[in-house]
Amino acid sequence: MSTPVISYSPVILSVPGRPVDLQVRVSAPATGTKLPIILLSHGHGHANNLSSLNGYAPIANDWAARGFVVVQPTHLSSRTLTNQVADAPGAPYFWRSRAEDMSQILDQFDLIENAVPQLAGRVNRDQVAVAGHSLGGFTATQLLGARITDPETGEIADLLEPRIKQGIVFAAPGRGDVLNGPMADAIDFARTIDFSTMTTPALIVAGDKDDSQHFTDFGPDWHADPYHLAPAPKTLLTVFGAEHLLGGIQGYDAAETTDENPERVAAIARLTAAYLHTQFDPTDPAWQEATTALSDLVKVG
């Protein structure tokens, strides 16, 4: 995309009880009004800045160029914060705090909009989507209505955010009863995930080569569970040949990307933006046009 994009960071939000301030990056097109919002939740991973407000540039920049305001928080699970929050409640994954970060962003959006130069008055706050990759996809499913039983308290955690109207779920964990890999116990909070309450519309994006054997031997279909086990309306987008980083959405030239493919990343960016444009405005043919044009790279449903 050649549309000029502005990217501003950090915007610092003070959150009572949070061990450190919440920092976000905001990217938006340089022109345009009534811009929808995408809240983008990063994954966990081994890298430092890829799992922070500095990651996911290939897709965040593309979305901004296509007319969205993209807000990227640094969750407490980011390795950039490990030395500061290692002993904080919820470490190291901070599954509850991650979801709460997104609600805080919406609560304090006046501050965000006024902090970013040339953004005030250009945002449509009635059109909000959440997107997340991997652990960020898990965060997105919670905000879309999926519930888990807190392994520490036994209470059901309901983190549905009603201001979020759409979702994009990238390579998220699936159902918890098939967790049996060497890392399964590390994400014990995911064992009780209940997708039956995930009622908000969403696009589930899964790579057909994303075999997360460190968590489960269920195979790539595990990442499609948020589609198969959640109530309609949901759409499944299967990306041919894609592994866990879906061609490299996490960062430019990232060594962690086992299936680097810029064409695939560009296609995913176009398709996900098109999905949201059509969901927010059913008269917009973007989704139909994109799925037709890119049918050799993906399958819908």
C-alpha atoms as a PDB file:
ATOM      1  CA  MET A   1       0.000   0.000   0.000  1.00  0.00           C
ATOM      2  CA  SER A   2       1.283   3.482  -0.878  1.00  0.00           C
ATOM      3  CA  THR A   3      -1.062   5.486   1.351  1.00  0.00           C
ATOM      4  CA  PRO A   4       0.975   7.591   3.820  1.00  0.00           C
ATOM      5  CA  VAL A   5       0.727   6.342   7.398  1.00  0.00           C
ATOM      6  CA  ILE A   6       1.485   8.091  10.670  1.00  0.00           C
ATOM      7  CA  SER A   7       2.794   5.986  13.560  1.00  0.00           C
ATOM      8  CA  TYR A   8       3.184   7.444  17.033  1.00  0.00           C
ATOM      9  CA  SER A   9       4.562   5.895  20.199  1.00  0.00           C
ATOM     10  CA  PRO A  10       4.552   5.610  23.056  1.00  0.00           C
ATOM     11  CA  VAL A  11       1.245   6.911  24.272  1.00  0.00           C
ATOM     12  CA  ILE A  12       1.391   6.226  28.007  1.00  0.00           C
ATOM     13  CA  LEU A  13      -1.733   5.282  29.937  1.00  0.00           C
ATOM     14  CA  SER A  14      -1.764   5.169  33.714  1.00  0.00           C
ATOM     15  CA  VAL A  15      -3.708   2.155  35.004  1.00  0.00           C
ATOM     16  CA  PRO A  16      -4.319   1.797  38.761  1.00  0.00           C
ATOM     17  CA  GLY A  17      -2.902  -1.458  40.100  1.00  0.00           C
ATOM     18  CA  ARG A  18      -0.904  -2.277  36.963  1.00  0.00           C
ATOM     19  CA  PRO A  19       2.778  -2.839  37.845  1.00  0.00           C
ATOM     20  CA  VAL A  20       3.923  -0.524  35.024  1.00  0.00           C
ATOM     21  CA  ASP A  21       2.159   2.019  32.845  1.00  0.00           C
ATOM     22  CA  LEU A  22       0.411   0.770  29.727  1.00  0.00           C
ATOM     23  CA  GLN A  23       2.268   1.909  26.605  1.00  0.00           C
ATOM     24  CA  VAL A  24       0.701   1.821  23.150  1.00  0.00           C
ATOM     25  CA  ARG A  25       1.631   2.552  19.567  1.00  0.00           C
ATOM     26  CA  VAL A  26      -0.959   4.143  17.288  1.00  0.00           C
ATOM     27  CA  SER A  27      -0.820   3.887  13.498  1.00  0.00           C
ATOM     28  CA  ALA A  28      -3.302   5.559  11.178  1.00  0.00           C
ATOM     29  CA  PRO A  29      -3.644   6.864   7.634  1.00  0.00           C
ATOM     30  CA  ALA A  30      -2.443  10.426   7.248  1.00  0.00           C
ATOM     31  CA  THR A  31      -5.838  11.453   5.836  1.00  0.00           C
ATOM     32  CA  GLY A  32      -9.435  10.347   6.133  1.00  0.00           C
ATOM     33  CA  THR A  33     -12.232  10.489   8.684  1.00  0.00           C
ATOM     34  CA  LYS A  34     -14.601   8.074  10.432  1.00  0.00           C
ATOM     35  CA  LEU A  35     -11.711   5.634  10.764  1.00  0.00           C
ATOM     36  CA  PRO A  36     -12.497   2.262  12.417  1.00  0.00           C
ATOM     37  CA  ILE A  37     -10.264   1.013  15.245  1.00  0.00           C
ATOM     38  CA  ILE A  38      -8.297  -2.241  15.436  1.00  0.00           C
ATOM     39  CA  LEU A  39      -6.871  -3.212  18.822  1.00  0.00           C
ATOM     40  CA  LEU A  40      -3.922  -5.520  18.047  1.00  0.00           C
ATOM     41  CA  SER A  41      -2.745  -7.969  20.719  1.00  0.00           C
ATOM     42  CA  HIS A  42       0.785  -9.325  20.269  1.00  0.00           C
ATOM     43  CA  GLY A  43       1.825 -12.896  20.913  1.00  0.00           C
ATOM     44  CA  HIS A  44       4.310 -14.220  23.446  1.00  0.00           C
ATOM     45  CA  GLY A  45       7.266 -15.792  21.663  1.00  0.00           C
ATOM     46  CA  HIS A  46      11.005 -15.617  22.277  1.00  0.00           C
ATOM     47  CA  ALA A  47      11.778 -12.237  20.745  1.00  0.00           C
ATOM     48  CA  ASN A  48      11.775  -9.019  22.735  1.00  0.00           C
ATOM     49  CA  ASN A  49      10.382  -6.206  20.626  1.00  0.00           C
ATOM     50  CA  LEU A  50       8.300  -8.378  18.320  1.00  0.00           C
ATOM     51  CA  SER A  51       6.122  -9.114  21.352  1.00  0.00           C
ATOM     52  CA  SER A  52       5.472  -5.480  22.191  1.00  0.00           C
ATOM     53  CA  LEU A  53       4.097  -2.290  20.677  1.00  0.00           C
ATOM     54  CA  ASN A  54       7.019  -2.464  18.218  1.00  0.00           C
ATOM     55  CA  GLY A  55       5.978  -5.754  16.621  1.00  0.00           C
ATOM     56  CA  TYR A  56       3.607  -6.741  13.825  1.00  0.00           C
ATOM     57  CA  ALA A  57       4.622  -3.831  11.596  1.00  0.00           C
ATOM     58  CA  PRO A  58       3.917  -5.723   8.327  1.00  0.00           C
ATOM     59  CA  ILE A  59       0.250  -6.034   9.140  1.00  0.00           C
ATOM     60  CA  ALA A  60      -0.254  -2.950  11.323  1.00  0.00           C
ATOM     61  CA  ASN A  61       1.175  -0.640   8.663  1.00  0.00           C
ATOM     62  CA  ASP A  62      -0.931  -2.247   5.946  1.00  0.00           C
ATOM     63  CA  TRP A  63      -4.111  -1.965   7.976  1.00  0.00           C
ATOM     64  CA  ALA A  64      -3.404   1.694   8.687  1.00  0.00           C
ATOM     65  CA  ALA A  65      -2.866   2.327   4.988  1.00  0.00           C
ATOM     66  CA  ARG A  66      -6.240   0.697   4.340  1.00  0.00           C
ATOM     67  CA  GLY A  67      -8.050   3.128   6.598  1.00  0.00           C
ATOM     68  CA  PHE A  68      -7.842   1.802  10.151  1.00  0.00           C
ATOM     69  CA  VAL A  69      -6.512   3.230  13.399  1.00  0.00           C
ATOM     70  CA  VAL A  70      -4.349   0.420  14.782  1.00  0.00           C
ATOM     71  CA  VAL A  71      -3.592   0.494  18.507  1.00  0.00           C
ATOM     72  CA  GLN A  72      -0.858  -1.836  19.792  1.00  0.00           C
ATOM     73  CA  PRO A  73      -0.269  -2.233  23.521  1.00  0.00           C
ATOM     74  CA  THR A  74       2.773  -3.710  25.205  1.00  0.00           C
ATOM     75  CA  HIS A  75       1.173  -6.331  27.427  1.00  0.00           C
ATOM     76  CA  LEU A  76       2.788  -7.309  30.728  1.00  0.00           C
ATOM     77  CA  SER A  77       3.763 -10.627  29.122  1.00  0.00           C
ATOM     78  CA  SER A  78       6.199  -8.853  26.789  1.00  0.00           C
ATOM     79  CA  ARG A  79       9.828  -9.877  27.261  1.00  0.00           C
ATOM     80  CA  THR A  80      10.693  -6.182  27.242  1.00  0.00           C
ATOM     81  CA  LEU A  81       9.101  -6.036  30.712  1.00  0.00           C
ATOM     82  CA  THR A  82      10.304  -9.332  32.191  1.00  0.00           C
ATOM     83  CA  ASN A  83      12.748  -7.762  34.651  1.00  0.00           C
ATOM     84  CA  GLN A  84      10.064  -5.388  35.943  1.00  0.00           C
ATOM     85  CA  VAL A  85       7.103  -7.750  36.319  1.00  0.00           C
ATOM     86  CA  ALA A  86       8.568 -11.242  36.741  1.00  0.00           C
ATOM     87  CA  ASP A  87       7.175 -11.530  40.272  1.00  0.00           C
ATOM     88  CA  ALA A  88       3.849  -9.816  39.625  1.00  0.00           C
ATOM     89  CA  PRO A  89       0.593 -11.779  39.991  1.00  0.00           C
ATOM     90  CA  GLY A  90      -0.311 -13.426  36.699  1.00  0.00           C
ATOM     91  CA  ALA A  91       3.251 -13.810  35.409  1.00  0.00           C
ATOM     92  CA  PRO A  92       4.496 -14.851  32.934  1.00  0.00           C
ATOM     93  CA  TYR A  93       1.476 -14.917  30.600  1.00  0.00           C
ATOM     94  CA  PHE A  94      -0.827 -12.387  32.309  1.00  0.00           C
ATOM     95  CA  TRP A  95      -3.865 -13.801  30.489  1.00  0.00           C
ATOM     96  CA  ARG A  96      -6.350 -11.648  32.418  1.00  0.00           C
ATOM     97  CA  SER A  97      -4.302  -8.428  32.294  1.00  0.00           C
ATOM     98  CA  ARG A  98      -3.847  -8.754  28.538  1.00  0.00           C
ATOM     99  CA  ALA A  99      -7.599  -8.595  27.968  1.00  0.00           C
ATOM    100  CA  GLU A 100      -8.011  -5.821  30.522  1.00  0.00           C
ATOM    101  CA  ASP A 101      -5.415  -3.752  28.618  1.00  0.00           C
ATOM    102  CA  MET A 102      -7.785  -3.530  25.668  1.00  0.00           C
ATOM    103  CA  SER A 103     -10.677  -2.316  27.806  1.00  0.00           C
ATOM    104  CA  GLN A 104      -8.354   0.277  29.343  1.00  0.00           C
ATOM    105  CA  ILE A 105      -7.437   1.524  25.874  1.00  0.00           C
ATOM    106  CA  LEU A 106     -11.104   2.060  25.054  1.00  0.00           C
ATOM    107  CA  ASP A 107     -11.712   3.683  28.447  1.00  0.00           C
ATOM    108  CA  GLN A 108      -8.905   6.179  27.806  1.00  0.00           C
ATOM    109  CA  PHE A 109      -9.366   6.719  24.087  1.00  0.00           C
ATOM    110  CA  ASP A 110      -9.871  10.461  24.552  1.00  0.00           C
ATOM    111  CA  LEU A 111      -6.316  10.665  25.843  1.00  0.00           C
ATOM    112  CA  ILE A 112      -4.998   8.529  22.965  1.00  0.00           C
ATOM    113  CA  GLU A 113      -6.815  10.498  20.293  1.00  0.00           C
ATOM    114  CA  ASN A 114      -5.584  13.815  21.645  1.00  0.00           C
ATOM    115  CA  ALA A 115      -2.003  12.589  22.112  1.00  0.00           C
ATOM    116  CA  VAL A 116      -1.489  11.504  18.505  1.00  0.00           C
ATOM    117  CA  PRO A 117      -0.874  14.444  16.177  1.00  0.00           C
ATOM    118  CA  GLN A 118      -3.572  15.000  13.551  1.00  0.00           C
ATOM    119  CA  LEU A 119      -5.786  12.162  14.813  1.00  0.00           C
ATOM    120  CA  ALA A 120      -8.392  13.941  16.952  1.00  0.00           C
ATOM    121  CA  GLY A 121     -11.852  13.937  15.426  1.00  0.00           C
ATOM    122  CA  ARG A 122     -11.025  11.382  12.732  1.00  0.00           C
ATOM    123  CA  VAL A 123     -11.951   8.163  14.559  1.00  0.00           C
ATOM    124  CA  ASN A 124     -15.194   6.179  14.498  1.00  0.00           C
ATOM    125  CA  ARG A 125     -15.420   4.761  18.003  1.00  0.00           C
ATOM    126  CA  ASP A 126     -18.561   2.802  17.158  1.00  0.00           C
ATOM    127  CA  GLN A 127     -16.526   0.554  14.859  1.00  0.00           C
ATOM    128  CA  VAL A 128     -14.015  -1.306  17.014  1.00  0.00           C
ATOM    129  CA  ALA A 129     -12.354  -4.633  16.239  1.00  0.00           C
ATOM    130  CA  VAL A 130      -9.857  -6.700  18.178  1.00  0.00           C
ATOM    131  CA  ALA A 131      -7.141  -8.707  16.469  1.00  0.00           C
ATOM    132  CA  GLY A 132      -4.579 -10.990  18.057  1.00  0.00           C
ATOM    133  CA  HIS A 133      -1.943 -13.535  17.107  1.00  0.00           C
ATOM    134  CA  SER A 134      -1.123 -16.726  19.026  1.00  0.00           C
ATOM    135  CA  LEU A 135      -1.414 -15.790  22.722  1.00  0.00           C
ATOM    136  CA  GLY A 136      -2.840 -12.518  21.419  1.00  0.00           C
ATOM    137  CA  GLY A 137      -5.411 -14.608  19.569  1.00  0.00           C
ATOM    138  CA  PHE A 138      -6.335 -16.172  22.911  1.00  0.00           C
ATOM    139  CA  THR A 139      -6.721 -12.643  24.297  1.00  0.00           C
ATOM    140  CA  ALA A 140      -8.951 -11.749  21.361  1.00  0.00           C
ATOM    141  CA  THR A 141     -11.202 -14.769  21.928  1.00  0.00           C
ATOM    142  CA  GLN A 142     -11.715 -13.723  25.557  1.00  0.00           C
ATOM    143  CA  LEU A 143     -12.700 -10.204  24.520  1.00  0.00           C
ATOM    144  CA  LEU A 144     -15.075 -11.720  21.948  1.00  0.00           C
ATOM    145  CA  GLY A 145     -16.797 -13.711  24.691  1.00  0.00           C
ATOM    146  CA  ALA A 146     -14.912 -16.981  25.259  1.00  0.00           C
ATOM    147  CA  ARG A 147     -14.647 -17.856  28.950  1.00  0.00           C
ATOM    148  CA  ILE A 148     -12.170 -19.807  31.020  1.00  0.00           C
ATOM    149  CA  THR A 149     -12.132 -21.109  34.555  1.00  0.00           C
ATOM    150  CA  ASP A 150      -9.377 -19.358  36.465  1.00  0.00           C
ATOM    151  CA  PRO A 151      -6.994 -22.161  37.543  1.00  0.00           C
ATOM    152  CA  GLU A 152      -6.089 -20.263  40.715  1.00  0.00           C
ATOM    153  CA  THR A 153      -9.538 -19.275  41.969  1.00  0.00           C
ATOM    154  CA  GLY A 154     -11.884 -21.681  40.204  1.00  0.00           C
ATOM    155  CA  GLU A 155     -14.032 -18.728  39.116  1.00  0.00           C
ATOM    156  CA  ILE A 156     -15.264 -18.287  35.570  1.00  0.00           C
ATOM    157  CA  ALA A 157     -13.565 -15.329  33.909  1.00  0.00           C
ATOM    158  CA  ASP A 158     -15.909 -13.357  31.661  1.00  0.00           C
ATOM    159  CA  LEU A 159     -13.879 -10.667  29.878  1.00  0.00           C
ATOM    160  CA  LEU A 160     -16.301  -9.947  27.041  1.00  0.00           C
ATOM    161  CA  GLU A 161     -15.847  -6.351  25.853  1.00  0.00           C
ATOM    162  CA  PRO A 162     -19.165  -5.169  24.383  1.00  0.00           C
ATOM    163  CA  ARG A 163     -17.580  -2.140  22.706  1.00  0.00           C
ATOM    164  CA  ILE A 164     -15.701  -4.545  20.418  1.00  0.00           C
ATOM    165  CA  LYS A 165     -17.943  -5.389  17.464  1.00  0.00           C
ATOM    166  CA  GLN A 166     -15.654  -7.607  15.320  1.00  0.00           C
ATOM    167  CA  GLY A 167     -12.661  -9.872  15.744  1.00  0.00           C
ATOM    168  CA  ILE A 168      -9.668 -11.213  13.811  1.00  0.00           C
ATOM    169  CA  VAL A 169      -8.173 -14.292  15.487  1.00  0.00           C
ATOM    170  CA  PHE A 170      -4.774 -15.387  14.138  1.00  0.00           C
ATOM    171  CA  ALA A 171      -3.376 -18.844  14.996  1.00  0.00           C
ATOM    172  CA  ALA A 172      -4.957 -18.920  18.450  1.00  0.00           C
ATOM    173  CA  PRO A 173      -4.906 -21.893  20.821  1.00  0.00           C
ATOM    174  CA  GLY A 174      -7.837 -24.241  20.394  1.00  0.00           C
ATOM    175  CA  ARG A 175      -9.724 -26.319  22.908  1.00  0.00           C
ATOM    176  CA  GLY A 176      -7.927 -27.245  26.084  1.00  0.00           C
ATOM    177  CA  ASP A 177      -8.883 -30.904  26.469  1.00  0.00           C
ATOM    178  CA  VAL A 178      -6.346 -31.920  23.801  1.00  0.00           C
ATOM    179  CA  LEU A 179      -3.354 -30.156  25.379  1.00  0.00           C
ATOM    180  CA  ASN A 180      -0.736 -32.890  25.775  1.00  0.00           C
ATOM    181  CA  GLY A 181       2.568 -31.510  24.475  1.00  0.00           C
ATOM    182  CA  PRO A 182       5.674 -30.637  26.494  1.00  0.00           C
ATOM    183  CA  MET A 183       4.471 -27.047  26.979  1.00  0.00           C
ATOM    184  CA  ALA A 184       0.853 -27.906  27.778  1.00  0.00           C
ATOM    185  CA  ASP A 185       1.152 -27.344  31.522  1.00  0.00           C
ATOM    186  CA  ALA A 186       2.636 -23.890  30.929  1.00  0.00           C
ATOM    187  CA  ILE A 187      -0.718 -22.689  29.626  1.00  0.00           C
ATOM    188  CA  ASP A 188      -2.940 -24.414  32.167  1.00  0.00           C
ATOM    189  CA  PHE A 189      -5.270 -21.410  32.000  1.00  0.00           C
ATOM    190  CA  ALA A 190      -6.214 -22.517  28.469  1.00  0.00           C
ATOM    191  CA  ARG A 191      -7.380 -25.980  29.500  1.00  0.00           C
ATOM    192  CA  THR A 192     -10.921 -24.813  30.282  1.00  0.00           C
ATOM    193  CA  ILE A 193     -11.477 -22.426  27.372  1.00  0.00           C
ATOM    194  CA  ASP A 194     -15.166 -22.368  26.435  1.00  0.00           C
ATOM    195  CA  PHE A 195     -15.810 -21.048  22.936  1.00  0.00           C
ATOM    196  CA  SER A 196     -19.575 -21.588  23.172  1.00  0.00           C
ATOM    197  CA  THR A 197     -19.957 -18.113  24.703  1.00  0.00           C
ATOM    198  CA  MET A 198     -17.839 -16.374  22.013  1.00  0.00           C
ATOM    199  CA  THR A 199     -20.762 -14.603  20.381  1.00  0.00           C
ATOM    200  CA  THR A 200     -19.125 -11.575  18.734  1.00  0.00           C
ATOM    201  CA  PRO A 201     -18.608 -11.946  14.956  1.00  0.00           C
ATOM    202  CA  ALA A 202     -15.060 -12.913  14.020  1.00  0.00           C
ATOM    203  CA  LEU A 203     -12.747 -14.108  11.286  1.00  0.00           C
ATOM    204  CA  ILE A 204     -10.621 -17.086  12.380  1.00  0.00           C
ATOM    205  CA  VAL A 205      -7.321 -17.242  10.472  1.00  0.00           C
ATOM    206  CA  ALA A 206      -5.417 -20.548  10.544  1.00  0.00           C
ATOM    207  CA  GLY A 207      -2.430 -21.891   8.622  1.00  0.00           C
ATOM    208  CA  ASP A 208      -2.833 -25.398   7.240  1.00  0.00           C
ATOM    209  CA  LYS A 209       0.785 -26.170   8.226  1.00  0.00           C
ATOM    210  CA  ASP A 210       0.600 -24.699  11.748  1.00  0.00           C
ATOM    211  CA  ASP A 211       1.266 -27.864  13.731  1.00  0.00           C
ATOM    212  CA  SER A 212       1.877 -26.758  17.346  1.00  0.00           C
ATOM    213  CA  GLN A 213       3.212 -30.053  18.678  1.00  0.00           C
ATOM    214  CA  HIS A 214       4.724 -28.366  21.743  1.00  0.00           C
ATOM    215  CA  PHE A 215       1.138 -27.879  22.937  1.00  0.00           C
ATOM    216  CA  THR A 216      -0.857 -30.682  21.312  1.00  0.00           C
ATOM    217  CA  ASP A 217      -0.685 -33.542  18.837  1.00  0.00           C
ATOM    218  CA  PHE A 218      -4.089 -32.566  17.443  1.00  0.00           C
ATOM    219  CA  GLY A 219      -2.462 -30.981  14.377  1.00  0.00           C
ATOM    220  CA  PRO A 220      -3.141 -27.728  12.489  1.00  0.00           C
ATOM    221  CA  ASP A 221      -6.925 -28.139  12.861  1.00  0.00           C
ATOM    222  CA  TRP A 222      -6.502 -27.195  16.545  1.00  0.00           C
ATOM    223  CA  HIS A 223      -6.151 -23.555  15.543  1.00  0.00           C
ATOM    224  CA  ALA A 224      -9.543 -23.686  13.789  1.00  0.00           C
ATOM    225  CA  ASP A 225     -11.367 -24.591  17.018  1.00  0.00           C
ATOM    226  CA  PRO A 226     -12.460 -20.970  17.687  1.00  0.00           C
ATOM    227  CA  TYR A 227     -14.411 -21.276  14.425  1.00  0.00           C
ATOM    228  CA  HIS A 228     -15.809 -24.784  14.875  1.00  0.00           C
ATOM    229  CA  LEU A 229     -16.700 -24.472  18.578  1.00  0.00           C
ATOM    230  CA  ALA A 230     -18.037 -20.889  18.697  1.00  0.00           C
ATOM    231  CA  PRO A 231     -21.534 -19.827  17.679  1.00  0.00           C
ATOM    232  CA  ALA A 232     -22.206 -18.030  14.412  1.00  0.00           C
ATOM    233  CA  PRO A 233     -21.461 -15.625  12.896  1.00  0.00           C
ATOM    234  CA  LYS A 234     -17.885 -16.827  12.400  1.00  0.00           C
ATOM    235  CA  THR A 235     -15.795 -17.175   9.244  1.00  0.00           C
ATOM    236  CA  LEU A 236     -12.785 -19.477   8.805  1.00  0.00           C
ATOM    237  CA  LEU A 237      -9.899 -18.373   6.599  1.00  0.00           C
ATOM    238  CA  THR A 238      -7.410 -21.184   5.957  1.00  0.00           C
ATOM    239  CA  VAL A 239      -4.069 -19.994   4.586  1.00  0.00           C
ATOM    240  CA  PHE A 240      -2.333 -22.518   2.345  1.00  0.00           C
ATOM    241  CA  GLY A 241       1.237 -23.376   3.332  1.00  0.00           C
ATOM    242  CA  ALA A 242       1.209 -21.117   6.382  1.00  0.00           C
ATOM    243  CA  GLU A 243       2.897 -22.055   9.635  1.00  0.00           C
ATOM    244  CA  HIS A 244       2.468 -20.313  12.986  1.00  0.00           C
ATOM    245  CA  LEU A 245       3.704 -16.858  11.943  1.00  0.00           C
ATOM    246  CA  LEU A 246       1.581 -16.964   8.783  1.00  0.00           C
ATOM    247  CA  GLY A 247       4.410 -15.929   6.499  1.00  0.00           C
ATOM    248  CA  GLY A 248       5.815 -13.243   8.799  1.00  0.00           C
ATOM    249  CA  ILE A 249       3.049 -11.052  10.213  1.00  0.00           C
ATOM    250  CA  GLN A 250       5.030 -10.672  13.448  1.00  0.00           C
ATOM    251  CA  GLY A 251       7.823  -8.579  11.965  1.00  0.00           C
ATOM    252  CA  TYR A 252       9.917  -7.800   8.915  1.00  0.00           C
ATOM    253  CA  ASP A 253      12.747 -10.327   8.354  1.00  0.00           C
ATOM    254  CA  ALA A 254      12.128 -12.008  11.717  1.00  0.00           C
ATOM    255  CA  ALA A 255      14.342 -15.030  12.326  1.00  0.00           C
ATOM    256  CA  GLU A 256      11.429 -16.739  14.120  1.00  0.00           C
ATOM    257  CA  THR A 257       9.465 -16.919  10.869  1.00  0.00           C
ATOM    258  CA  THR A 258       9.736 -20.497   9.609  1.00  0.00           C
ATOM    259  CA  ASP A 259       7.629 -19.853   6.490  1.00  0.00           C
ATOM    260  CA  GLU A 260       8.661 -16.358   5.412  1.00  0.00           C
ATOM    261  CA  ASN A 261       6.512 -15.274   2.492  1.00  0.00           C
ATOM    262  CA  PRO A 262       5.830 -11.565   1.875  1.00  0.00           C
ATOM    263  CA  GLU A 263       3.126 -12.397  -0.670  1.00  0.00           C
ATOM    264  CA  ARG A 264       1.283 -14.401   1.978  1.00  0.00           C
ATOM    265  CA  VAL A 265       1.540 -11.573   4.514  1.00  0.00           C
ATOM    266  CA  ALA A 266       0.242  -9.056   1.971  1.00  0.00           C
ATOM    267  CA  ALA A 267      -2.671 -11.343   1.141  1.00  0.00           C
ATOM    268  CA  ILE A 268      -3.569 -11.808   4.807  1.00  0.00           C
ATOM    269  CA  ALA A 269      -3.417  -8.063   5.413  1.00  0.00           C
ATOM    270  CA  ARG A 270      -5.687  -7.376   2.441  1.00  0.00           C
ATOM    271  CA  LEU A 271      -8.142 -10.121   3.324  1.00  0.00           C
ATOM    272  CA  THR A 272      -8.471  -9.213   6.997  1.00  0.00           C
ATOM    273  CA  ALA A 273      -8.899  -5.515   6.211  1.00  0.00           C
ATOM    274  CA  ALA A 274     -11.482  -6.401   3.574  1.00  0.00           C
ATOM    275  CA  TYR A 275     -13.366  -8.589   6.042  1.00  0.00           C
ATOM    276  CA  LEU A 276     -13.633  -5.727   8.518  1.00  0.00           C
ATOM    277  CA  HIS A 277     -14.583  -3.147   5.893  1.00  0.00           C
ATOM    278  CA  THR A 278     -17.463  -5.340   4.727  1.00  0.00           C
ATOM    279  CA  GLN A 279     -18.508  -6.282   8.253  1.00  0.00           C
ATOM    280  CA  PHE A 280     -18.665  -2.636   9.257  1.00  0.00           C
ATOM    281  CA  ASP A 281     -20.399  -1.688   5.980  1.00  0.00           C
ATOM    282  CA  PRO A 282     -22.248  -4.587   4.317  1.00  0.00           C
ATOM    283  CA  THR A 283     -22.541  -2.594   1.090  1.00  0.00           C
ATOM    284  CA  ASP A 284     -18.744  -2.612   0.724  1.00  0.00           C
ATOM    285  CA  PRO A 285     -17.724  -5.440  -1.677  1.00  0.00           C
ATOM    286  CA  ALA A 286     -14.135  -5.588  -0.388  1.00  0.00           C
ATOM    287  CA  TRP A 287     -14.433  -9.052   1.173  1.00  0.00           C
ATOM    288  CA  GLN A 288     -15.947 -10.705  -1.887  1.00  0.00           C
ATOM    289  CA  GLU A 289     -13.403  -9.034  -4.157  1.00  0.00           C
ATOM    290  CA  ALA A 290     -10.448 -10.039  -1.995  1.00  0.00           C
ATOM    291  CA  THR A 291     -11.482 -13.669  -1.513  1.00  0.00           C
ATOM    292  CA  THR A 292     -12.083 -14.032  -5.256  1.00  0.00           C
ATOM    293  CA  ALA A 293      -8.747 -12.435  -6.176  1.00  0.00           C
ATOM    294  CA  LEU A 294      -6.749 -14.503  -3.655  1.00  0.00           C
ATOM    295  CA  SER A 295      -8.501 -17.871  -3.912  1.00  0.00           C
ATOM    296  CA  ASP A 296      -5.247 -19.593  -4.903  1.00  0.00           C
ATOM    297  CA  LEU A 297      -3.686 -18.653  -1.540  1.00  0.00           C
ATOM    298  CA  VAL A 298      -6.578 -19.185   0.885  1.00  0.00           C
ATOM    299  CA  LYS A 299      -9.815 -21.031   1.464  1.00  0.00           C
ATOM    300  CA  VAL A 300     -12.890 -19.523   3.091  1.00  0.00           C
ATOM    301  CA  GLY A 301     -14.986 -21.824   5.278  1.00  0.00           C
END
